[in-house]
PDB file of all heavy atoms in Angstrom:
ATOM      1  N   VAL A   1     -20.149 -10.799 -26.800  1.00  0.00           N
ATOM      2  CA  VAL A   1     -19.061  -9.849 -26.551  1.00  0.00           C
ATOM      3  C   VAL A   1     -19.626  -8.463 -26.249  1.00  0.00           C
ATOM      4  O   VAL A   1     -20.524  -7.969 -26.917  1.00  0.00           O
ATOM      5  CB  VAL A   1     -18.132  -9.757 -27.780  1.00  0.00           C
ATOM      6  CG1 VAL A   1     -17.066  -8.679 -27.583  1.00  0.00           C
ATOM      7  CG2 VAL A   1     -17.481 -11.103 -28.058  1.00  0.00           C
ATOM      8  N   MET A   2     -19.104  -7.853 -25.193  1.00  0.00           N
ATOM      9  CA  MET A   2     -19.388  -6.463 -24.872  1.00  0.00           C
ATOM     10  C   MET A   2     -18.083  -5.695 -24.975  1.00  0.00           C
ATOM     11  O   MET A   2     -17.228  -5.796 -24.092  1.00  0.00           O
ATOM     12  CB  MET A   2     -19.973  -6.329 -23.460  1.00  0.00           C
ATOM     13  CG  MET A   2     -21.345  -6.952 -23.304  1.00  0.00           C
ATOM     14  SD  MET A   2     -22.565  -6.124 -24.358  1.00  0.00           S
ATOM     15  CE  MET A   2     -24.088  -6.595 -23.543  1.00  0.00           C
ATOM     16  N   GLY A   3     -17.913  -4.975 -26.074  1.00  0.00           N
ATOM     17  CA  GLY A   3     -16.624  -4.357 -26.356  1.00  0.00           C
ATOM     18  C   GLY A   3     -16.492  -2.930 -25.843  1.00  0.00           C
ATOM     19  O   GLY A   3     -17.381  -2.387 -25.187  1.00  0.00           O
ATOM     20  N   LEU A   4     -15.342  -2.334 -26.146  1.00  0.00           N
ATOM     21  CA  LEU A   4     -15.035  -0.968 -25.761  1.00  0.00           C
ATOM     22  C   LEU A   4     -14.837  -0.106 -26.993  1.00  0.00           C
ATOM     23  O   LEU A   4     -14.310  -0.565 -28.013  1.00  0.00           O
ATOM     24  CB  LEU A   4     -13.755  -0.912 -24.916  1.00  0.00           C
ATOM     25  CG  LEU A   4     -13.793  -1.497 -23.514  1.00  0.00           C
ATOM     26  CD1 LEU A   4     -12.386  -1.503 -22.930  1.00  0.00           C
ATOM     27  CD2 LEU A   4     -14.718  -0.684 -22.627  1.00  0.00           C
ATOM     28  N   LYS A   5     -15.275   1.137 -26.912  1.00  0.00           N
ATOM     29  CA  LYS A   5     -14.949   2.133 -27.921  1.00  0.00           C
ATOM     30  C   LYS A   5     -13.733   2.914 -27.439  1.00  0.00           C
ATOM     31  O   LYS A   5     -13.641   3.243 -26.258  1.00  0.00           O
ATOM     32  CB  LYS A   5     -16.114   3.078 -28.154  1.00  0.00           C
ATOM     33  CG  LYS A   5     -17.345   2.434 -28.758  1.00  0.00           C
ATOM     34  CD  LYS A   5     -18.450   3.466 -28.931  1.00  0.00           C
ATOM     35  CE  LYS A   5     -19.700   2.827 -29.522  1.00  0.00           C
ATOM     36  NZ  LYS A   5     -20.802   3.818 -29.662  1.00  0.00           N
ATOM     37  N   LYS A   6     -12.821   3.235 -28.354  1.00  0.00           N
ATOM     38  CA  LYS A   6     -11.624   3.969 -27.987  1.00  0.00           C
ATOM     39  C   LYS A   6     -11.424   5.164 -28.910  1.00  0.00           C
ATOM     40  O   LYS A   6     -11.868   5.161 -30.062  1.00  0.00           O
ATOM     41  CB  LYS A   6     -10.404   3.050 -28.056  1.00  0.00           C
ATOM     42  CG  LYS A   6     -10.435   1.910 -27.043  1.00  0.00           C
ATOM     43  CD  LYS A   6      -9.142   1.119 -27.057  1.00  0.00           C
ATOM     44  CE  LYS A   6      -9.144   0.035 -25.989  1.00  0.00           C
ATOM     45  NZ  LYS A   6      -7.863  -0.713 -25.960  1.00  0.00           N
ATOM     46  N   ASP A   7     -10.754   6.187 -28.345  1.00  0.00           N
ATOM     47  CA  ASP A   7     -10.442   7.339 -29.179  1.00  0.00           C
ATOM     48  C   ASP A   7      -9.141   7.099 -29.920  1.00  0.00           C
ATOM     49  O   ASP A   7      -8.545   6.015 -29.830  1.00  0.00           O
ATOM     50  CB  ASP A   7     -10.382   8.617 -28.334  1.00  0.00           C
ATOM     51  CG  ASP A   7      -9.323   8.551 -27.236  1.00  0.00           C
ATOM     52  OD1 ASP A   7      -8.422   7.680 -27.310  1.00  0.00           O
ATOM     53  OD2 ASP A   7      -9.395   9.366 -26.296  1.00  0.00           O
ATOM     54  N   ASP A   8      -8.667   8.115 -30.652  1.00  0.00           N
ATOM     55  CA  ASP A   8      -7.461   7.920 -31.462  1.00  0.00           C
ATOM     56  C   ASP A   8      -6.202   7.754 -30.628  1.00  0.00           C
ATOM     57  O   ASP A   8      -5.148   7.365 -31.144  1.00  0.00           O
ATOM     58  CB  ASP A   8      -7.281   9.094 -32.425  1.00  0.00           C
ATOM     59  CG  ASP A   8      -7.294  10.445 -31.720  1.00  0.00           C
ATOM     60  OD1 ASP A   8      -7.391  10.471 -30.487  1.00  0.00           O
ATOM     61  OD2 ASP A   8      -7.204  11.479 -32.413  1.00  0.00           O
ATOM     62  N   LYS A   9      -6.303   8.023 -29.308  1.00  0.00           N
ATOM     63  CA  LYS A   9      -5.168   7.822 -28.422  1.00  0.00           C
ATOM     64  C   LYS A   9      -5.222   6.482 -27.701  1.00  0.00           C
ATOM     65  O   LYS A   9      -4.355   6.169 -26.903  1.00  0.00           O
ATOM     66  CB  LYS A   9      -5.096   8.950 -27.405  1.00  0.00           C
ATOM     67  CG  LYS A   9      -4.834  10.323 -28.019  1.00  0.00           C
ATOM     68  CD  LYS A   9      -4.766  11.388 -26.930  1.00  0.00           C
ATOM     69  CE  LYS A   9      -4.500  12.753 -27.534  1.00  0.00           C
ATOM     70  NZ  LYS A   9      -4.420  13.823 -26.495  1.00  0.00           N
ATOM     71  N   GLY A  10      -6.266   5.709 -27.997  1.00  0.00           N
ATOM     72  CA  GLY A  10      -6.395   4.412 -27.363  1.00  0.00           C
ATOM     73  C   GLY A  10      -7.089   4.430 -26.021  1.00  0.00           C
ATOM     74  O   GLY A  10      -7.157   3.404 -25.329  1.00  0.00           O
ATOM     75  N   ASN A  11      -7.653   5.576 -25.632  1.00  0.00           N
ATOM     76  CA  ASN A  11      -8.373   5.662 -24.368  1.00  0.00           C
ATOM     77  C   ASN A  11      -9.805   5.190 -24.533  1.00  0.00           C
ATOM     78  O   ASN A  11     -10.468   5.511 -25.532  1.00  0.00           O
ATOM     79  CB  ASN A  11      -8.384   7.115 -23.867  1.00  0.00           C
ATOM     80  CG  ASN A  11      -7.000   7.643 -23.601  1.00  0.00           C
ATOM     81  OD1 ASN A  11      -6.173   6.951 -23.025  1.00  0.00           O
ATOM     82  ND2 ASN A  11      -6.727   8.874 -24.033  1.00  0.00           N
ATOM     83  N   ALA A  12     -10.286   4.424 -23.563  1.00  0.00           N
ATOM     84  CA  ALA A  12     -11.667   3.952 -23.606  1.00  0.00           C
ATOM     85  C   ALA A  12     -12.620   5.122 -23.420  1.00  0.00           C
ATOM     86  O   ALA A  12     -12.461   5.916 -22.486  1.00  0.00           O
ATOM     87  CB  ALA A  12     -11.908   2.905 -22.535  1.00  0.00           C
ATOM     88  N   VAL A  13     -13.581   5.266 -24.316  1.00  0.00           N
ATOM     89  CA  VAL A  13     -14.533   6.387 -24.250  1.00  0.00           C
ATOM     90  C   VAL A  13     -15.976   5.917 -24.259  1.00  0.00           C
ATOM     91  O   VAL A  13     -16.902   6.717 -24.231  1.00  0.00           O
ATOM     92  CB  VAL A  13     -14.306   7.380 -25.414  1.00  0.00           C
ATOM     93  CG1 VAL A  13     -12.947   8.042 -25.299  1.00  0.00           C
ATOM     94  CG2 VAL A  13     -14.456   6.673 -26.762  1.00  0.00           C
ATOM     95  N   GLY A  14     -16.223   4.630 -24.286  1.00  0.00           N
ATOM     96  CA  GLY A  14     -17.586   4.128 -24.297  1.00  0.00           C
ATOM     97  C   GLY A  14     -17.610   2.617 -24.482  1.00  0.00           C
ATOM     98  O   GLY A  14     -16.565   1.973 -24.613  1.00  0.00           O
ATOM     99  N   PHE A  15     -18.818   2.075 -24.509  1.00  0.00           N
ATOM    100  CA  PHE A  15     -18.980   0.637 -24.686  1.00  0.00           C
ATOM    101  C   PHE A  15     -19.588   0.341 -26.052  1.00  0.00           C
ATOM    102  O   PHE A  15     -20.537   1.007 -26.480  1.00  0.00           O
ATOM    103  CB  PHE A  15     -19.877   0.065 -23.591  1.00  0.00           C
ATOM    104  CG  PHE A  15     -19.166  -0.123 -22.281  1.00  0.00           C
ATOM    105  CD1 PHE A  15     -19.114   0.917 -21.363  1.00  0.00           C
ATOM    106  CD2 PHE A  15     -18.546  -1.315 -21.970  1.00  0.00           C
ATOM    107  CE1 PHE A  15     -18.449   0.763 -20.158  1.00  0.00           C
ATOM    108  CE2 PHE A  15     -17.878  -1.473 -20.772  1.00  0.00           C
ATOM    109  CZ  PHE A  15     -17.828  -0.431 -19.867  1.00  0.00           C
ATOM    110  N   ALA A  16     -19.036  -0.632 -26.747  1.00  0.00           N
ATOM    111  CA  ALA A  16     -19.548  -1.070 -28.038  1.00  0.00           C
ATOM    112  C   ALA A  16     -20.350  -2.356 -27.814  1.00  0.00           C
ATOM    113  O   ALA A  16     -19.795  -3.453 -27.855  1.00  0.00           O
ATOM    114  CB  ALA A  16     -18.395  -1.310 -29.020  1.00  0.00           C
ATOM    115  N   GLU A  17     -21.625  -2.186 -27.552  1.00  0.00           N
ATOM    116  CA  GLU A  17     -22.462  -3.328 -27.204  1.00  0.00           C
ATOM    117  C   GLU A  17     -23.463  -3.599 -28.334  1.00  0.00           C
ATOM    118  O   GLU A  17     -24.115  -2.683 -28.822  1.00  0.00           O
ATOM    119  CB  GLU A  17     -23.188  -3.047 -25.890  1.00  0.00           C
ATOM    120  CG  GLU A  17     -22.194  -2.812 -24.750  1.00  0.00           C
ATOM    121  CD  GLU A  17     -22.869  -2.480 -23.440  1.00  0.00           C
ATOM    122  OE1 GLU A  17     -24.051  -2.088 -23.470  1.00  0.00           O
ATOM    123  OE2 GLU A  17     -22.213  -2.605 -22.382  1.00  0.00           O
ATOM    124  N   PRO A  18     -23.575  -4.841 -28.745  1.00  0.00           N
ATOM    125  CA  PRO A  18     -24.440  -5.181 -29.880  1.00  0.00           C
ATOM    126  C   PRO A  18     -25.901  -4.814 -29.626  1.00  0.00           C
ATOM    127  O   PRO A  18     -26.400  -4.899 -28.499  1.00  0.00           O
ATOM    128  CB  PRO A  18     -24.265  -6.703 -30.000  1.00  0.00           C
ATOM    129  CG  PRO A  18     -23.015  -7.020 -29.256  1.00  0.00           C
ATOM    130  CD  PRO A  18     -22.918  -6.012 -28.168  1.00  0.00           C
ATOM    131  N   GLU A  19     -26.580  -4.412 -30.670  1.00  0.00           N
ATOM    132  CA  GLU A  19     -28.014  -4.128 -30.575  1.00  0.00           C
ATOM    133  C   GLU A  19     -28.797  -5.416 -30.320  1.00  0.00           C
ATOM    134  O   GLU A  19     -28.434  -6.480 -30.804  1.00  0.00           O
ATOM    135  CB  GLU A  19     -28.512  -3.483 -31.869  1.00  0.00           C
ATOM    136  CG  GLU A  19     -27.979  -2.083 -32.110  1.00  0.00           C
ATOM    137  CD  GLU A  19     -28.558  -1.073 -31.136  1.00  0.00           C
ATOM    138  OE1 GLU A  19     -29.652  -1.341 -30.603  1.00  0.00           O
ATOM    139  OE2 GLU A  19     -27.902  -0.042 -30.900  1.00  0.00           O
ATOM    140  N   GLY A  20     -29.836  -5.307 -29.512  1.00  0.00           N
ATOM    141  CA  GLY A  20     -30.737  -6.432 -29.303  1.00  0.00           C
ATOM    142  C   GLY A  20     -30.308  -7.427 -28.247  1.00  0.00           C
ATOM    143  O   GLY A  20     -31.031  -8.380 -27.961  1.00  0.00           O
ATOM    144  N   VAL A  21     -29.146  -7.232 -27.629  1.00  0.00           N
ATOM    145  CA  VAL A  21     -28.694  -8.149 -26.581  1.00  0.00           C
ATOM    146  C   VAL A  21     -29.509  -7.905 -25.313  1.00  0.00           C
ATOM    147  O   VAL A  21     -29.755  -6.768 -24.917  1.00  0.00           O
ATOM    148  CB  VAL A  21     -27.193  -7.973 -26.307  1.00  0.00           C
ATOM    149  CG1 VAL A  21     -26.766  -8.827 -25.122  1.00  0.00           C
ATOM    150  CG2 VAL A  21     -26.383  -8.348 -27.537  1.00  0.00           C
ATOM    151  N   ASP A  22     -29.938  -8.977 -24.694  1.00  0.00           N
ATOM    152  CA  ASP A  22     -30.748  -8.904 -23.477  1.00  0.00           C
ATOM    153  C   ASP A  22     -29.943  -9.583 -22.353  1.00  0.00           C
ATOM    154  O   ASP A  22     -30.079 -10.779 -22.123  1.00  0.00           O
ATOM    155  CB  ASP A  22     -32.071  -9.630 -23.702  1.00  0.00           C
ATOM    156  CG  ASP A  22     -33.064  -9.364 -22.587  1.00  0.00           C
ATOM    157  OD1 ASP A  22     -32.837  -8.419 -21.808  1.00  0.00           O
ATOM    158  OD2 ASP A  22     -34.064 -10.095 -22.488  1.00  0.00           O
ATOM    159  N   PRO A  23     -29.115  -8.831 -21.627  1.00  0.00           N
ATOM    160  CA  PRO A  23     -28.187  -9.450 -20.668  1.00  0.00           C
ATOM    161  C   PRO A  23     -28.901 -10.126 -19.507  1.00  0.00           C
ATOM    162  O   PRO A  23     -29.902  -9.629 -18.997  1.00  0.00           O
ATOM    163  CB  PRO A  23     -27.340  -8.270 -20.176  1.00  0.00           C
ATOM    164  CG  PRO A  23     -27.545  -7.179 -21.175  1.00  0.00           C
ATOM    165  CD  PRO A  23     -28.942  -7.367 -21.691  1.00  0.00           C
ATOM    166  N   GLU A  24     -28.342 -11.255 -19.072  1.00  0.00           N
ATOM    167  CA  GLU A  24     -28.823 -11.953 -17.889  1.00  0.00           C
ATOM    168  C   GLU A  24     -28.151 -11.340 -16.663  1.00  0.00           C
ATOM    169  O   GLU A  24     -26.932 -11.213 -16.606  1.00  0.00           O
ATOM    170  CB  GLU A  24     -28.497 -13.439 -17.978  1.00  0.00           C
ATOM    171  CG  GLU A  24     -28.905 -14.239 -16.763  1.00  0.00           C
ATOM    172  CD  GLU A  24     -30.411 -14.245 -16.543  1.00  0.00           C
ATOM    173  OE1 GLU A  24     -31.131 -14.704 -17.430  1.00  0.00           O
ATOM    174  OE2 GLU A  24     -30.850 -13.744 -15.476  1.00  0.00           O
ATOM    175  N   LEU A  25     -28.955 -10.944 -15.670  1.00  0.00           N
ATOM    176  CA  LEU A  25     -28.410 -10.257 -14.510  1.00  0.00           C
ATOM    177  C   LEU A  25     -27.851 -11.235 -13.471  1.00  0.00           C
ATOM    178  O   LEU A  25     -26.772 -11.012 -12.919  1.00  0.00           O
ATOM    179  CB  LEU A  25     -29.497  -9.387 -13.866  1.00  0.00           C
ATOM    180  CG  LEU A  25     -29.085  -8.509 -12.688  1.00  0.00           C
ATOM    181  CD1 LEU A  25     -28.057  -7.477 -13.115  1.00  0.00           C
ATOM    182  CD2 LEU A  25     -30.299  -7.825 -12.079  1.00  0.00           C
ATOM    183  N   ASP A  26     -28.574 -12.296 -13.200  1.00  0.00           N
ATOM    184  CA  ASP A  26     -28.199 -13.237 -12.155  1.00  0.00           C
ATOM    185  C   ASP A  26     -27.823 -14.559 -12.809  1.00  0.00           C
ATOM    186  O   ASP A  26     -28.659 -15.435 -13.010  1.00  0.00           O
ATOM    187  CB  ASP A  26     -29.358 -13.410 -11.176  1.00  0.00           C
ATOM    188  CG  ASP A  26     -28.939 -14.176  -9.923  1.00  0.00           C
ATOM    189  OD1 ASP A  26     -27.758 -14.529  -9.821  1.00  0.00           O
ATOM    190  OD2 ASP A  26     -29.803 -14.410  -9.060  1.00  0.00           O
ATOM    191  N   HIS A  27     -26.546 -14.714 -13.121  1.00  0.00           N
ATOM    192  CA  HIS A  27     -26.095 -15.893 -13.871  1.00  0.00           C
ATOM    193  C   HIS A  27     -24.791 -16.412 -13.280  1.00  0.00           C
ATOM    194  O   HIS A  27     -23.921 -15.655 -12.882  1.00  0.00           O
ATOM    195  CB  HIS A  27     -25.870 -15.522 -15.349  1.00  0.00           C
ATOM    196  CG  HIS A  27     -25.257 -16.630 -16.164  1.00  0.00           C
ATOM    197  ND1 HIS A  27     -25.953 -17.744 -16.556  1.00  0.00           N
ATOM    198  CD2 HIS A  27     -23.992 -16.773 -16.663  1.00  0.00           C
ATOM    199  CE1 HIS A  27     -25.165 -18.537 -17.257  1.00  0.00           C
ATOM    200  NE2 HIS A  27     -23.968 -17.971 -17.340  1.00  0.00           N
ATOM    201  N   ALA A  28     -24.686 -17.728 -13.206  1.00  0.00           N
ATOM    202  CA  ALA A  28     -23.448 -18.380 -12.778  1.00  0.00           C
ATOM    203  C   ALA A  28     -23.312 -19.674 -13.546  1.00  0.00           C
ATOM    204  O   ALA A  28     -24.305 -20.363 -13.809  1.00  0.00           O
ATOM    205  CB  ALA A  28     -23.457 -18.645 -11.279  1.00  0.00           C
ATOM    206  N   ALA A  29     -22.087 -19.996 -13.920  1.00  0.00           N
ATOM    207  CA  ALA A  29     -21.859 -21.229 -14.691  1.00  0.00           C
ATOM    208  C   ALA A  29     -20.387 -21.592 -14.678  1.00  0.00           C
ATOM    209  O   ALA A  29     -19.522 -20.745 -14.428  1.00  0.00           O
ATOM    210  CB  ALA A  29     -22.347 -21.048 -16.140  1.00  0.00           C
ATOM    211  N   ARG A  30     -20.116 -22.883 -14.942  1.00  0.00           N
ATOM    212  CA  ARG A  30     -18.749 -23.329 -15.161  1.00  0.00           C
ATOM    213  C   ARG A  30     -18.516 -23.322 -16.667  1.00  0.00           C
ATOM    214  O   ARG A  30     -19.244 -23.968 -17.427  1.00  0.00           O
ATOM    215  CB  ARG A  30     -18.537 -24.726 -14.601  1.00  0.00           C
ATOM    216  CG  ARG A  30     -17.145 -25.298 -14.832  1.00  0.00           C
ATOM    217  CD  ARG A  30     -16.944 -26.611 -14.114  1.00  0.00           C
ATOM    218  NE  ARG A  30     -16.944 -26.401 -12.661  1.00  0.00           N
ATOM    219  CZ  ARG A  30     -16.813 -27.396 -11.791  1.00  0.00           C
ATOM    220  NH1 ARG A  30     -16.713 -28.658 -12.214  1.00  0.00           N
ATOM    221  NH2 ARG A  30     -16.801 -27.146 -10.505  1.00  0.00           N
ATOM    222  N   ILE A  31     -17.507 -22.558 -17.087  1.00  0.00           N
ATOM    223  CA  ILE A  31     -17.260 -22.364 -18.512  1.00  0.00           C
ATOM    224  C   ILE A  31     -15.887 -22.928 -18.861  1.00  0.00           C
ATOM    225  O   ILE A  31     -14.912 -22.719 -18.126  1.00  0.00           O
ATOM    226  CB  ILE A  31     -17.295 -20.854 -18.872  1.00  0.00           C
ATOM    227  CG1 ILE A  31     -18.610 -20.224 -18.423  1.00  0.00           C
ATOM    228  CG2 ILE A  31     -17.095 -20.651 -20.362  1.00  0.00           C
ATOM    229  CD1 ILE A  31     -18.637 -18.715 -18.562  1.00  0.00           C
TER     230      ILE A  31
END
């Protein structure tokens, strides 16, 4: 999960991304 940070008004102000995640750039799959 790559989440969103929000302020007290519910506006997105950043990304809440877990530490240590190493994202795959070129990926395709049937899920």
